[in-house]
Protein backbone atom coordinates (compact mmCIF):
# COMPACT_ATOMS: atom_id res chain seq x y z
CA MET A 1 -30.26 32.69 -35.00
CA LYS A 2 -31.03 29.71 -32.77
CA TRP A 3 -28.17 27.68 -34.26
CA LEU A 4 -25.78 30.56 -33.63
CA MET A 5 -26.75 30.73 -29.95
CA THR A 6 -26.32 26.95 -29.70
CA LEU A 7 -22.85 27.22 -31.24
CA LEU A 8 -21.84 30.03 -28.88
CA ILE A 9 -23.01 28.06 -25.84
CA ALA A 10 -21.13 24.98 -27.05
CA LEU A 11 -17.94 27.00 -27.55
CA LEU A 12 -18.32 28.56 -24.11
CA MET A 13 -18.78 25.17 -22.47
CA TRP A 14 -15.77 23.80 -24.36
CA GLY A 15 -13.69 26.75 -23.15
CA VAL A 16 -14.69 26.14 -19.55
CA ALA A 17 -13.87 22.43 -19.84
CA ALA A 18 -10.51 23.17 -21.45
CA ALA A 19 -9.65 25.64 -18.70
CA GLN A 20 -10.31 22.95 -16.09
CA GLU A 21 -7.56 20.69 -17.44
CA LEU A 22 -3.87 21.50 -17.85
CA PHE A 23 -1.08 19.43 -19.36
CA PHE A 24 2.64 20.15 -19.36
CA ASP A 25 5.05 18.02 -21.42
CA PHE A 26 7.72 20.77 -21.47
CA GLU A 27 8.33 20.29 -25.21
CA LYS A 28 7.85 23.98 -26.02
CA THR A 29 10.31 25.18 -23.38
CA SER A 30 13.89 25.83 -24.47
CA LEU A 31 16.60 23.65 -22.98
CA GLY A 32 18.03 25.13 -19.81
CA GLU A 33 14.94 27.25 -19.17
CA LEU A 34 12.16 27.13 -16.58
CA PRO A 35 8.69 26.44 -18.04
CA GLU A 36 6.49 29.53 -18.30
CA GLY A 37 4.11 30.01 -15.40
CA PHE A 38 6.19 28.11 -12.83
CA ALA A 39 8.16 29.56 -9.93
CA PRO A 40 10.70 27.82 -7.66
CA ALA A 41 10.39 28.16 -3.90
CA GLN A 42 11.78 26.74 -0.67
CA THR A 43 9.61 25.55 2.21
CA ALA A 44 10.38 27.40 5.45
CA GLY A 45 13.41 29.00 3.82
CA ARG A 46 15.65 25.99 4.47
CA GLY A 47 18.57 25.55 2.08
CA LYS A 48 18.55 27.58 -1.12
CA LEU A 49 16.50 27.53 -4.28
CA ALA A 50 17.11 24.41 -6.33
CA LEU A 51 17.77 24.72 -10.05
CA TRP A 52 14.71 23.71 -12.08
CA GLN A 53 15.28 23.50 -15.83
CA VAL A 54 14.17 21.66 -18.94
CA VAL A 55 16.68 19.11 -20.25
CA GLU A 56 16.69 16.55 -23.05
CA ASP A 57 15.95 12.92 -22.19
CA GLY A 58 15.49 10.31 -24.90
CA SER A 59 13.69 8.02 -22.45
CA ALA A 60 10.97 10.60 -21.67
CA PRO A 61 7.44 9.16 -21.74
CA LYS A 62 6.11 12.33 -23.40
CA GLY A 63 8.31 13.76 -26.16
CA HIS A 64 12.04 14.35 -25.66
CA LYS A 65 12.18 17.02 -22.96
CA VAL A 66 11.73 16.70 -19.21
CA LEU A 67 11.88 18.97 -16.18
CA PHE A 68 14.96 18.42 -14.01
CA VAL A 69 15.40 19.59 -10.42
CA LEU A 70 19.00 19.86 -9.23
CA PRO A 71 19.40 20.95 -5.58
CA ASP A 72 22.71 22.07 -4.09
CA PRO A 73 23.82 19.18 -1.81
CA ARG A 74 25.99 21.57 0.22
CA THR A 75 22.97 23.50 1.49
CA ASN A 76 19.91 21.37 0.69
CA HIS A 77 19.79 18.57 3.21
CA GLY A 78 17.64 17.39 6.11
CA SER A 79 14.14 18.88 6.08
CA CYS A 80 14.81 20.97 3.00
CA PHE A 81 11.87 20.83 0.60
CA ASN A 82 12.44 21.97 -2.99
CA VAL A 83 9.17 23.30 -4.40
CA LEU A 84 8.00 24.38 -7.84
CA LEU A 85 4.58 26.05 -7.97
CA TYR A 86 2.40 26.73 -10.98
CA GLN A 87 1.26 30.34 -10.77
CA GLY A 88 -1.80 30.03 -12.99
CA GLN A 89 -5.10 28.26 -12.45
CA GLN A 90 -5.81 26.81 -9.01
CA PHE A 91 -7.64 23.59 -8.23
CA LYS A 92 -9.55 22.04 -5.34
CA ASP A 93 -11.01 18.64 -6.23
CA LEU A 94 -8.65 17.22 -8.83
CA ASP A 95 -7.08 14.37 -10.75
CA LEU A 96 -3.33 15.05 -10.74
CA SER A 97 -0.58 12.94 -12.29
CA VAL A 98 3.08 13.15 -13.24
CA TYR A 99 5.83 10.81 -14.44
CA VAL A 100 8.86 10.66 -12.15
CA LYS A 101 12.36 9.19 -12.46
CA ALA A 102 15.07 9.33 -9.81
CA VAL A 103 18.47 10.52 -11.07
CA LYS A 104 20.68 10.73 -8.00
CA GLY A 105 20.92 11.78 -4.37
CA ARG A 106 22.95 10.47 -1.44
CA GLU A 107 20.51 11.60 1.26
CA ASP A 108 17.21 11.51 -0.66
CA GLN A 109 15.91 10.53 -4.07
CA GLY A 110 12.68 10.79 -6.01
CA GLY A 111 9.85 13.22 -5.32
CA GLY A 112 6.31 13.82 -6.47
CA PRO A 113 3.44 16.25 -7.05
CA LEU A 114 1.94 18.73 -4.59
CA TRP A 115 -1.52 20.33 -4.59
CA ARG A 116 -3.98 22.58 -2.76
CA ALA A 117 -0.94 24.72 -2.03
CA GLN A 118 -1.73 28.00 -0.34
CA ASP A 119 1.96 28.90 -0.65
CA GLU A 120 5.34 27.18 -0.37
CA ASN A 121 4.73 26.41 3.32
CA ASN A 122 1.19 24.96 3.16
CA TYR A 123 0.21 22.09 0.85
CA TYR A 124 -0.37 18.36 0.32
CA VAL A 125 2.39 16.25 -1.25
CA VAL A 126 2.82 12.59 -2.14
CA ARG A 127 6.30 11.39 -2.88
CA TRP A 128 8.23 8.26 -3.85
CA ASN A 129 11.69 7.66 -2.33
CA PRO A 130 13.61 4.70 -3.82
CA LEU A 131 16.31 4.95 -1.14
CA GLU A 132 13.70 4.20 1.52
CA ASN A 133 11.59 1.94 -0.70
CA ASN A 134 8.39 3.73 0.21
CA PHE A 135 5.56 5.92 -1.08
CA ARG A 136 4.19 8.49 1.36
CA LEU A 137 1.47 11.11 1.62
CA TYR A 138 2.01 14.22 3.75
CA PHE A 139 0.61 17.62 4.45
CA VAL A 140 2.94 20.52 5.10
CA LYS A 141 1.46 23.22 7.32
CA LYS A 142 3.34 26.35 8.31
CA GLY A 143 6.48 24.72 6.96
CA ARG A 144 6.18 21.58 9.08
CA ARG A 145 5.47 18.17 7.57
CA LYS A 146 3.12 15.49 8.92
CA MET A 147 2.72 12.03 7.39
CA LEU A 148 -0.82 10.87 6.61
CA ALA A 149 -0.10 7.45 5.06
CA SER A 150 2.78 5.25 3.92
CA ALA A 151 3.24 2.14 1.78
CA LYS A 152 6.28 -0.04 1.13
CA LEU A 153 7.37 0.13 -2.49
CA LYS A 154 10.41 -1.34 -4.22
CA VAL A 155 10.73 -0.53 -7.92
CA ASP A 156 13.49 0.26 -10.38
CA PRO A 157 14.59 3.88 -9.73
CA GLN A 158 16.12 4.16 -13.20
CA LYS A 159 12.74 3.73 -14.87
CA TRP A 160 9.88 6.18 -15.26
CA HIS A 161 6.95 5.73 -12.88
CA LEU A 162 3.54 7.40 -12.86
CA ILE A 163 2.23 8.99 -9.66
CA ARG A 164 -1.46 9.90 -9.66
CA VAL A 165 -3.62 11.65 -7.05
CA LEU A 166 -7.41 11.81 -6.86
CA HIS A 167 -8.60 14.28 -4.25
CA HIS A 168 -12.33 14.89 -3.84
CA GLY A 169 -13.63 16.65 -0.74
CA GLU A 170 -11.68 15.13 2.15
CA GLU A 171 -10.85 11.83 0.43
CA ILE A 172 -7.37 11.40 -1.03
CA GLN A 173 -6.33 8.45 -3.20
CA CYS A 174 -2.72 8.01 -4.32
CA LEU A 175 -1.75 5.59 -7.08
CA PHE A 176 1.64 4.39 -8.27
CA ASP A 177 1.89 2.97 -11.78
CA GLY A 178 -1.87 2.53 -11.82
CA LYS A 179 -2.15 0.73 -8.48
CA GLU A 180 -3.82 2.41 -5.51
CA LEU A 181 -1.42 2.29 -2.54
CA LEU A 182 -2.77 5.01 -0.25
CA ARG A 183 -6.26 6.20 0.69
CA VAL A 184 -7.07 8.56 3.56
CA ARG A 185 -9.47 11.30 4.61
CA ASP A 186 -8.08 14.64 5.75
CA HIS A 187 -9.41 18.19 6.15
CA THR A 188 -6.21 20.16 6.70
CA PHE A 189 -6.65 22.13 3.46
CA VAL A 190 -10.20 22.46 2.13
CA ALA A 191 -9.78 25.40 -0.25
CA GLN A 192 -8.47 25.38 -3.79
CA GLY A 193 -4.77 25.96 -4.24
CA LYS A 194 -1.81 25.78 -6.56
CA VAL A 195 -0.32 22.59 -7.99
CA GLY A 196 3.34 21.85 -8.46
CA LEU A 197 6.29 19.54 -7.95
CA TRP A 198 8.43 18.62 -4.95
CA SER A 199 11.71 16.98 -3.98
CA LYS A 200 13.59 16.77 -0.69
CA ALA A 201 17.15 17.62 0.29
CA ASP A 202 19.65 16.59 -2.43
CA ALA A 203 17.24 14.52 -4.55
CA ALA A 204 17.94 15.19 -8.23
CA THR A 205 14.83 14.12 -10.11
CA VAL A 206 13.24 14.40 -13.55
CA PHE A 207 9.51 14.92 -14.17
CA ASP A 208 7.40 14.66 -17.29
CA GLY A 209 3.77 14.76 -18.42
CA LEU A 210 2.36 16.81 -15.56
CA ARG A 211 -1.42 16.73 -15.90
CA VAL A 212 -4.14 18.20 -13.69
CA LYS A 213 -7.88 17.99 -14.21
CA SER A 214 -10.63 19.53 -12.11
CA LEU A 215 -13.17 17.05 -10.77
CA ALA A 216 -16.86 17.89 -10.66
CA HIS A 217 -18.21 18.85 -7.24
């Protein structure tokens, strides 16, 4: 009987641990479809909903499918933020990462992950823009964006790059291809929230290997 209780406790603890980490490689999603559990949105209602869909990419770092965001350049420009939010588990302190590759965009390119999102108008986001050769961390509150930190960054936009965020309490660390470029403290959003992906204006971008793990308090 004692061994059975030990096994049940072990299975329960494994289930809790598994639920605290999510990974999306988009391999099980049909081409042209939106991955299950995700919903597109638009910050502050500017522009119109971008098209988010799974496409095939032989260069993908994880498998052969990636998630592609294609905004409408006729309406999505200026301070138009294209958002994709995961509607499932929410996270507070986390280790979040995603592979990103810029495809095209005359006004903007690139993008990145977002987290602690209360909704499409309130969240943290770190993004890479190869047109500006920089890597920046922002918070968006009530639809308005404020920069927290910025670093110069010149890399090949046609290659895949890994963006990683470690957020514990008020401390935020942002890494690019394994190198820490940004570190700040901020208390704008202290509660758990949704995770997701982000691009700006007409930036057409592909994402792969989205991973999020809850950090111990």
